[in-house]
PDB file of N, CA and C in Angstrom:
ATOM      1  N   ALA A   1      41.400   4.516  35.998  1.00  0.00           N
ATOM      2  CA  ALA A   1      40.746   5.823  36.277  1.00  0.00           C
ATOM      3  C   ALA A   1      41.722   7.103  35.745  1.00  0.00           C
ATOM      4  N   ASP A   2      42.795   6.936  36.120  1.00  0.00           N
ATOM      5  CA  ASP A   2      43.771   8.086  35.670  1.00  0.00           C
ATOM      6  C   ASP A   2      43.567   8.549  34.150  1.00  0.00           C
ATOM      7  N   THR A   3      43.661   7.321  33.376  1.00  0.00           N
ATOM      8  CA  THR A   3      43.608   7.585  32.135  1.00  0.00           C
ATOM      9  C   THR A   3      42.239   8.123  31.525  1.00  0.00           C
ATOM     10  N   TYR A   4      41.329   7.661  32.069  1.00  0.00           N
ATOM     11  CA  TYR A   4      39.920   8.402  31.694  1.00  0.00           C
ATOM     12  C   TYR A   4      39.798   9.863  32.187  1.00  0.00           C
ATOM     13  N   LEU A   5      40.288  10.011  33.430  1.00  0.00           N
ATOM     14  CA  LEU A   5      40.289  11.499  33.789  1.00  0.00           C
ATOM     15  C   LEU A   5      41.188  12.433  33.136  1.00  0.00           C
ATOM     16  N   MET A   6      42.406  11.806  32.504  1.00  0.00           N
ATOM     17  CA  MET A   6      43.092  12.607  31.603  1.00  0.00           C
ATOM     18  C   MET A   6      42.576  12.766  30.281  1.00  0.00           C
ATOM     19  N   LEU A   7      41.762  11.791  29.952  1.00  0.00           N
ATOM     20  CA  LEU A   7      41.047  11.869  28.490  1.00  0.00           C
ATOM     21  C   LEU A   7      40.062  12.891  28.679  1.00  0.00           C
ATOM     22  N   ALA A   8      39.225  12.831  29.793  1.00  0.00           N
ATOM     23  CA  ALA A   8      38.247  13.771  29.975  1.00  0.00           C
ATOM     24  C   ALA A   8      38.753  15.297  30.025  1.00  0.00           C
ATOM     25  N   GLU A   9      39.748  15.304  30.701  1.00  0.00           N
ATOM     26  CA  GLU A   9      40.524  16.824  30.528  1.00  0.00           C
ATOM     27  C   GLU A   9      40.703  17.376  29.313  1.00  0.00           C
ATOM     28  N   ALA A  10      41.400  16.513  28.566  1.00  0.00           N
ATOM     29  CA  ALA A  10      41.732  16.788  27.374  1.00  0.00           C
ATOM     30  C   ALA A  10      40.545  17.007  26.224  1.00  0.00           C
ATOM     31  N   GLN A  11      39.560  16.271  26.641  1.00  0.00           N
ATOM     32  CA  GLN A  11      38.269  16.551  25.592  1.00  0.00           C
ATOM     33  C   GLN A  11      37.799  17.775  26.061  1.00  0.00           C
ATOM     34  N   LEU A  12      37.572  18.088  27.397  1.00  0.00           N
ATOM     35  CA  LEU A  12      36.983  19.286  27.920  1.00  0.00           C
ATOM     36  C   LEU A  12      37.725  20.486  27.279  1.00  0.00           C
ATOM     37  N   LEU A  13      39.129  20.549  27.482  1.00  0.00           N
ATOM     38  CA  LEU A  13      39.950  21.700  26.875  1.00  0.00           C
ATOM     39  C   LEU A  13      39.766  21.826  25.534  1.00  0.00           C
ATOM     40  N   SER A  14      39.514  20.864  24.714  1.00  0.00           N
ATOM     41  CA  SER A  14      39.491  20.941  23.270  1.00  0.00           C
ATOM     42  C   SER A  14      38.110  21.196  22.833  1.00  0.00           C
ATOM     43  N   GLY A  15      37.175  21.444  23.725  1.00  0.00           N
ATOM     44  CA  GLY A  15      35.786  22.132  23.473  1.00  0.00           C
ATOM     45  C   GLY A  15      34.963  20.703  23.323  1.00  0.00           C
ATOM     46  N   ASN A  16      35.237  19.626  23.410  1.00  0.00           N
ATOM     47  CA  ASN A  16      34.150  18.290  23.284  1.00  0.00           C
ATOM     48  C   ASN A  16      33.756  17.905  24.562  1.00  0.00           C
ATOM     49  N   VAL A  17      32.685  18.728  25.142  1.00  0.00           N
ATOM     50  CA  VAL A  17      32.154  18.493  26.456  1.00  0.00           C
ATOM     51  C   VAL A  17      31.456  17.234  26.495  1.00  0.00           C
ATOM     52  N   ALA A  18      30.592  16.788  25.387  1.00  0.00           N
ATOM     53  CA  ALA A  18      29.941  15.441  25.623  1.00  0.00           C
ATOM     54  C   ALA A  18      30.770  14.242  25.634  1.00  0.00           C
ATOM     55  N   ASP A  19      31.813  14.238  25.037  1.00  0.00           N
ATOM     56  CA  ASP A  19      32.851  13.231  25.089  1.00  0.00           C
ATOM     57  C   ASP A  19      33.373  13.268  26.613  1.00  0.00           C
ATOM     58  N   ALA A  20      33.903  14.395  27.012  1.00  0.00           N
ATOM     59  CA  ALA A  20      34.415  14.689  28.403  1.00  0.00           C
ATOM     60  C   ALA A  20      33.513  14.106  29.343  1.00  0.00           C
ATOM     61  N   VAL A  21      32.258  14.319  29.269  1.00  0.00           N
ATOM     62  CA  VAL A  21      31.131  13.791  30.201  1.00  0.00           C
ATOM     63  C   VAL A  21      31.009  12.127  30.216  1.00  0.00           C
ATOM     64  N   ARG A  22      31.101  11.570  28.939  1.00  0.00           N
ATOM     65  CA  ARG A  22      31.004  10.174  28.885  1.00  0.00           C
ATOM     66  C   ARG A  22      32.360   9.667  29.431  1.00  0.00           C
ATOM     67  N   SER A  23      33.409  10.329  29.284  1.00  0.00           N
ATOM     68  CA  SER A  23      34.637   9.700  29.753  1.00  0.00           C
ATOM     69  C   SER A  23      34.838   9.721  31.400  1.00  0.00           C
ATOM     70  N   ILE A  24      34.203  10.826  31.916  1.00  0.00           N
ATOM     71  CA  ILE A  24      34.303  11.020  33.451  1.00  0.00           C
ATOM     72  C   ILE A  24      33.204   9.974  33.990  1.00  0.00           C
ATOM     73  N   ASN A  25      32.159   9.873  33.419  1.00  0.00           N
ATOM     74  CA  ASN A  25      31.058   8.936  33.810  1.00  0.00           C
ATOM     75  C   ASN A  25      31.517   7.397  33.897  1.00  0.00           C
ATOM     76  N   VAL A  26      32.412   7.081  33.042  1.00  0.00           N
ATOM     77  CA  VAL A  26      33.027   5.659  33.070  1.00  0.00           C
ATOM     78  C   VAL A  26      33.651   5.589  34.544  1.00  0.00           C
ATOM     79  N   VAL A  27      34.323   6.324  34.851  1.00  0.00           N
ATOM     80  CA  VAL A  27      34.959   6.345  36.230  1.00  0.00           C
ATOM     81  C   VAL A  27      33.948   6.375  37.356  1.00  0.00           C
ATOM     82  N   ARG A  28      32.874   7.463  37.261  1.00  0.00           N
ATOM     83  CA  ARG A  28      31.984   7.606  38.242  1.00  0.00           C
ATOM     84  C   ARG A  28      31.039   6.448  38.399  1.00  0.00           C
ATOM     85  N   ARG A  29      30.620   5.665  37.171  1.00  0.00           N
ATOM     86  CA  ARG A  29      29.897   4.483  37.370  1.00  0.00           C
ATOM     87  C   ARG A  29      30.634   3.328  38.050  1.00  0.00           C
ATOM     88  N   ARG A  30      31.759   3.216  37.633  1.00  0.00           N
ATOM     89  CA  ARG A  30      32.610   2.001  38.290  1.00  0.00           C
ATOM     90  C   ARG A  30      32.591   2.276  39.962  1.00  0.00           C
ATOM     91  N   ALA A  31      32.649   3.620  40.327  1.00  0.00           N
ATOM     92  CA  ALA A  31      32.745   3.720  41.802  1.00  0.00           C
ATOM     93  C   ALA A  31      31.480   3.670  42.424  1.00  0.00           C
ATOM     94  N   ALA A  32      30.511   3.532  41.675  1.00  0.00           N
ATOM     95  CA  ALA A  32      29.101   3.714  42.465  1.00  0.00           C
ATOM     96  C   ALA A  32      28.600   2.390  43.084  1.00  0.00           C
ATOM     97  N   TRP A  33      27.693   2.412  43.905  1.00  0.00           N
ATOM     98  CA  TRP A  33      27.142   1.295  44.576  1.00  0.00           C
ATOM     99  C   TRP A  33      26.366   0.432  43.508  1.00  0.00           C
ATOM    100  N   PRO A  34      26.499  -0.759  43.696  1.00  0.00           N
ATOM    101  CA  PRO A  34      25.550  -1.538  42.668  1.00  0.00           C
ATOM    102  C   PRO A  34      24.203  -1.236  42.717  1.00  0.00           C
ATOM    103  N   GLY A  35      23.807  -1.019  41.487  1.00  0.00           N
ATOM    104  CA  GLY A  35      22.347  -0.576  41.250  1.00  0.00           C
ATOM    105  C   GLY A  35      22.185   0.859  41.270  1.00  0.00           C
ATOM    106  N   ARG A  36      23.082   1.697  41.759  1.00  0.00           N
ATOM    107  CA  ARG A  36      23.023   3.205  41.912  1.00  0.00           C
ATOM    108  C   ARG A  36      23.890   4.122  40.961  1.00  0.00           C
ATOM    109  N   GLU A  37      24.283   3.374  39.730  1.00  0.00           N
ATOM    110  CA  GLU A  37      25.291   3.845  38.887  1.00  0.00           C
ATOM    111  C   GLU A  37      24.802   5.272  38.331  1.00  0.00           C
ATOM    112  N   SER A  38      23.364   5.295  37.946  1.00  0.00           N
ATOM    113  CA  SER A  38      22.802   6.502  37.356  1.00  0.00           C
ATOM    114  C   SER A  38      22.930   7.551  38.202  1.00  0.00           C
ATOM    115  N   ALA A  39      22.869   7.508  39.431  1.00  0.00           N
ATOM    116  CA  ALA A  39      22.966   8.627  40.596  1.00  0.00           C
ATOM    117  C   ALA A  39      24.248   9.237  40.594  1.00  0.00           C
ATOM    118  N   MET A  40      25.271   8.508  40.003  1.00  0.00           N
ATOM    119  CA  MET A  40      26.781   9.065  40.149  1.00  0.00           C
ATOM    120  C   MET A  40      27.163   9.769  38.827  1.00  0.00           C
ATOM    121  N   GLU A  41      26.345   9.648  37.926  1.00  0.00           N
ATOM    122  CA  GLU A  41      26.669  10.268  36.524  1.00  0.00           C
ATOM    123  C   GLU A  41      26.296  11.815  36.627  1.00  0.00           C
ATOM    124  N   ILE A  42      27.270  12.493  35.837  1.00  0.00           N
ATOM    125  CA  ILE A  42      27.162  13.910  35.768  1.00  0.00           C
ATOM    126  C   ILE A  42      26.501  14.271  34.291  1.00  0.00           C
ATOM    127  N   THR A  43      26.169  15.491  34.219  1.00  0.00           N
ATOM    128  CA  THR A  43      25.588  16.117  33.002  1.00  0.00           C
ATOM    129  C   THR A  43      26.566  17.065  32.256  1.00  0.00           C
ATOM    130  N   ALA A  44      26.411  17.559  31.178  1.00  0.00           N
ATOM    131  CA  ALA A  44      27.038  18.354  30.407  1.00  0.00           C
ATOM    132  C   ALA A  44      27.397  19.560  31.103  1.00  0.00           C
ATOM    133  N   ALA A  45      26.079  20.167  31.776  1.00  0.00           N
ATOM    134  CA  ALA A  45      25.863  21.299  32.665  1.00  0.00           C
ATOM    135  C   ALA A  45      26.918  21.390  33.674  1.00  0.00           C
ATOM    136  N   GLN A  46      27.026  20.179  34.204  1.00  0.00           N
ATOM    137  CA  GLN A  46      27.990  20.019  35.399  1.00  0.00           C
ATOM    138  C   GLN A  46      29.483  19.895  35.102  1.00  0.00           C
ATOM    139  N   MET A  47      29.853  19.678  33.893  1.00  0.00           N
ATOM    140  CA  MET A  47      31.364  19.412  33.505  1.00  0.00           C
ATOM    141  C   MET A  47      31.834  20.765  33.266  1.00  0.00           C
ATOM    142  N   ASN A  48      32.919  20.925  34.123  1.00  0.00           N
ATOM    143  CA  ASN A  48      33.981  21.964  33.821  1.00  0.00           C
ATOM    144  C   ASN A  48      35.317  21.452  34.619  1.00  0.00           C
ATOM    145  N   LEU A  49      36.380  22.290  34.454  1.00  0.00           N
ATOM    146  CA  LEU A  49      37.703  21.836  34.926  1.00  0.00           C
ATOM    147  C   LEU A  49      37.681  21.604  36.415  1.00  0.00           C
ATOM    148  N   GLU A  50      36.855  22.496  37.150  1.00  0.00           N
ATOM    149  CA  GLU A  50      36.660  22.110  38.594  1.00  0.00           C
ATOM    150  C   GLU A  50      36.185  20.618  38.897  1.00  0.00           C
ATOM    151  N   MET A  51      35.245  20.275  38.118  1.00  0.00           N
ATOM    152  CA  MET A  51      34.703  18.961  38.316  1.00  0.00           C
ATOM    153  C   MET A  51      36.057  17.877  38.218  1.00  0.00           C
ATOM    154  N   ILE A  52      36.627  18.084  37.014  1.00  0.00           N
ATOM    155  CA  ILE A  52      37.713  17.190  36.800  1.00  0.00           C
ATOM    156  C   ILE A  52      38.769  17.252  37.968  1.00  0.00           C
ATOM    157  N   ILE A  53      39.130  18.321  38.290  1.00  0.00           N
ATOM    158  CA  ILE A  53      40.126  18.734  39.440  1.00  0.00           C
ATOM    159  C   ILE A  53      39.651  17.838  40.828  1.00  0.00           C
ATOM    160  N   GLU A  54      38.398  17.978  41.087  1.00  0.00           N
ATOM    161  CA  GLU A  54      37.828  17.402  42.300  1.00  0.00           C
ATOM    162  C   GLU A  54      37.725  15.914  42.177  1.00  0.00           C
ATOM    163  N   GLU A  55      37.419  15.488  41.108  1.00  0.00           N
ATOM    164  CA  GLU A  55      37.222  13.948  40.774  1.00  0.00           C
ATOM    165  C   GLU A  55      38.636  13.463  40.722  1.00  0.00           C
ATOM    166  N   ARG A  56      39.734  14.006  40.059  1.00  0.00           N
ATOM    167  CA  ARG A  56      41.089  13.386  40.248  1.00  0.00           C
ATOM    168  C   ARG A  56      41.453  13.351  41.746  1.00  0.00           C
ATOM    169  N   GLU A  57      41.045  14.376  42.570  1.00  0.00           N
ATOM    170  CA  GLU A  57      41.420  14.539  43.911  1.00  0.00           C
ATOM    171  C   GLU A  57      40.835  13.056  44.674  1.00  0.00           C
ATOM    172  N   ARG A  58      39.441  12.991  44.415  1.00  0.00           N
ATOM    173  CA  ARG A  58      38.838  11.780  45.166  1.00  0.00           C
ATOM    174  C   ARG A  58      39.336  10.460  44.577  1.00  0.00           C
ATOM    175  N   GLU A  59      39.427  10.334  43.326  1.00  0.00           N
ATOM    176  CA  GLU A  59      39.716   9.049  42.785  1.00  0.00           C
ATOM    177  C   GLU A  59      41.176   8.621  42.830  1.00  0.00           C
ATOM    178  N   LEU A  60      42.235   9.682  42.935  1.00  0.00           N
ATOM    179  CA  LEU A  60      43.691   9.221  43.008  1.00  0.00           C
ATOM    180  C   LEU A  60      44.225   9.639  44.279  1.00  0.00           C
ATOM    181  N   ILE A  61      43.326   9.737  45.413  1.00  0.00           N
ATOM    182  CA  ILE A  61      43.780   9.964  46.687  1.00  0.00           C
ATOM    183  C   ILE A  61      44.861   8.973  46.985  1.00  0.00           C
ATOM    184  N   GLY A  62      45.950   9.392  47.630  1.00  0.00           N
ATOM    185  CA  GLY A  62      47.039   8.253  47.994  1.00  0.00           C
ATOM    186  C   GLY A  62      47.943   7.794  46.997  1.00  0.00           C
ATOM    187  N   GLU A  63      47.732   8.372  45.839  1.00  0.00           N
ATOM    188  CA  GLU A  63      48.740   7.826  44.584  1.00  0.00           C
ATOM    189  C   GLU A  63      49.799   8.767  44.409  1.00  0.00           C
ATOM    190  N   GLN A  64      49.853   9.849  45.319  1.00  0.00           N
ATOM    191  CA  GLN A  64      50.933  10.892  45.147  1.00  0.00           C
ATOM    192  C   GLN A  64      51.155  11.545  43.866  1.00  0.00           C
ATOM    193  N   MET A  65      49.873  12.046  43.402  1.00  0.00           N
ATOM    194  CA  MET A  65      49.908  12.635  41.979  1.00  0.00           C
ATOM    195  C   MET A  65      49.282  14.012  42.192  1.00  0.00           C
ATOM    196  N   ARG A  66      48.763  14.378  43.490  1.00  0.00           N
ATOM    197  CA  ARG A  66      48.022  15.738  43.530  1.00  0.00           C
ATOM    198  C   ARG A  66      48.811  16.724  43.355  1.00  0.00           C
ATOM    199  N   TRP A  67      50.136  16.915  43.819  1.00  0.00           N
ATOM    200  CA  TRP A  67      51.073  18.000  43.678  1.00  0.00           C
ATOM    201  C   TRP A  67      51.355  18.217  42.263  1.00  0.00           C
ATOM    202  N   LEU A  68      51.457  17.244  41.578  1.00  0.00           N
ATOM    203  CA  LEU A  68      51.847  17.299  40.028  1.00  0.00           C
ATOM    204  C   LEU A  68      50.509  17.925  39.405  1.00  0.00           C
ATOM    205  N   ASP A  69      49.555  17.433  39.777  1.00  0.00           N
ATOM    206  CA  ASP A  69      48.101  17.968  39.157  1.00  0.00           C
ATOM    207  C   ASP A  69      48.101  19.494  39.520  1.00  0.00           C
ATOM    208  N   LEU A  70      48.336  19.870  40.710  1.00  0.00           N
ATOM    209  CA  LEU A  70      48.181  21.283  41.134  1.00  0.00           C
ATOM    210  C   LEU A  70      49.272  22.211  40.416  1.00  0.00           C
ATOM    211  N   LYS A  71      50.301  21.520  40.457  1.00  0.00           N
ATOM    212  CA  LYS A  71      51.374  22.348  39.682  1.00  0.00           C
ATOM    213  C   LYS A  71      51.251  22.512  38.256  1.00  0.00           C
ATOM    214  N   ARG A  72      50.524  21.339  37.650  1.00  0.00           N
ATOM    215  CA  ARG A  72      50.278  21.545  36.161  1.00  0.00           C
ATOM    216  C   ARG A  72      49.260  22.567  35.803  1.00  0.00           C
ATOM    217  N   TRP A  73      48.142  22.722  36.946  1.00  0.00           N
ATOM    218  CA  TRP A  73      46.956  23.519  36.700  1.00  0.00           C
ATOM    219  C   TRP A  73      47.391  24.988  37.174  1.00  0.00           C
ATOM    220  N   GLY A  74      48.414  25.141  37.739  1.00  0.00           N
ATOM    221  CA  GLY A  74      48.895  26.562  38.126  1.00  0.00           C
ATOM    222  C   GLY A  74      48.017  26.838  39.432  1.00  0.00           C
ATOM    223  N   ILE A  75      47.686  25.887  40.158  1.00  0.00           N
ATOM    224  CA  ILE A  75      46.874  26.131  41.564  1.00  0.00           C
ATOM    225  C   ILE A  75      47.693  26.318  42.717  1.00  0.00           C
TER     226      ILE A  75
END
């Protein structure tokens, strides 16, 4: 998940929103209830840095990476 989220962030910041959406949806589909994968997917209109920040928070909770992420983003 960390790799896909980093990839999505890099794609978003380079202006490639469609690929960023595809990358983050890989993580979100994996976390979905069986049969409800499409309900977890996001669209290009929903994709922004705040979405990635929140998704990293949810996905990597307990991995002790949050402080590094916040420091990197200047939050």
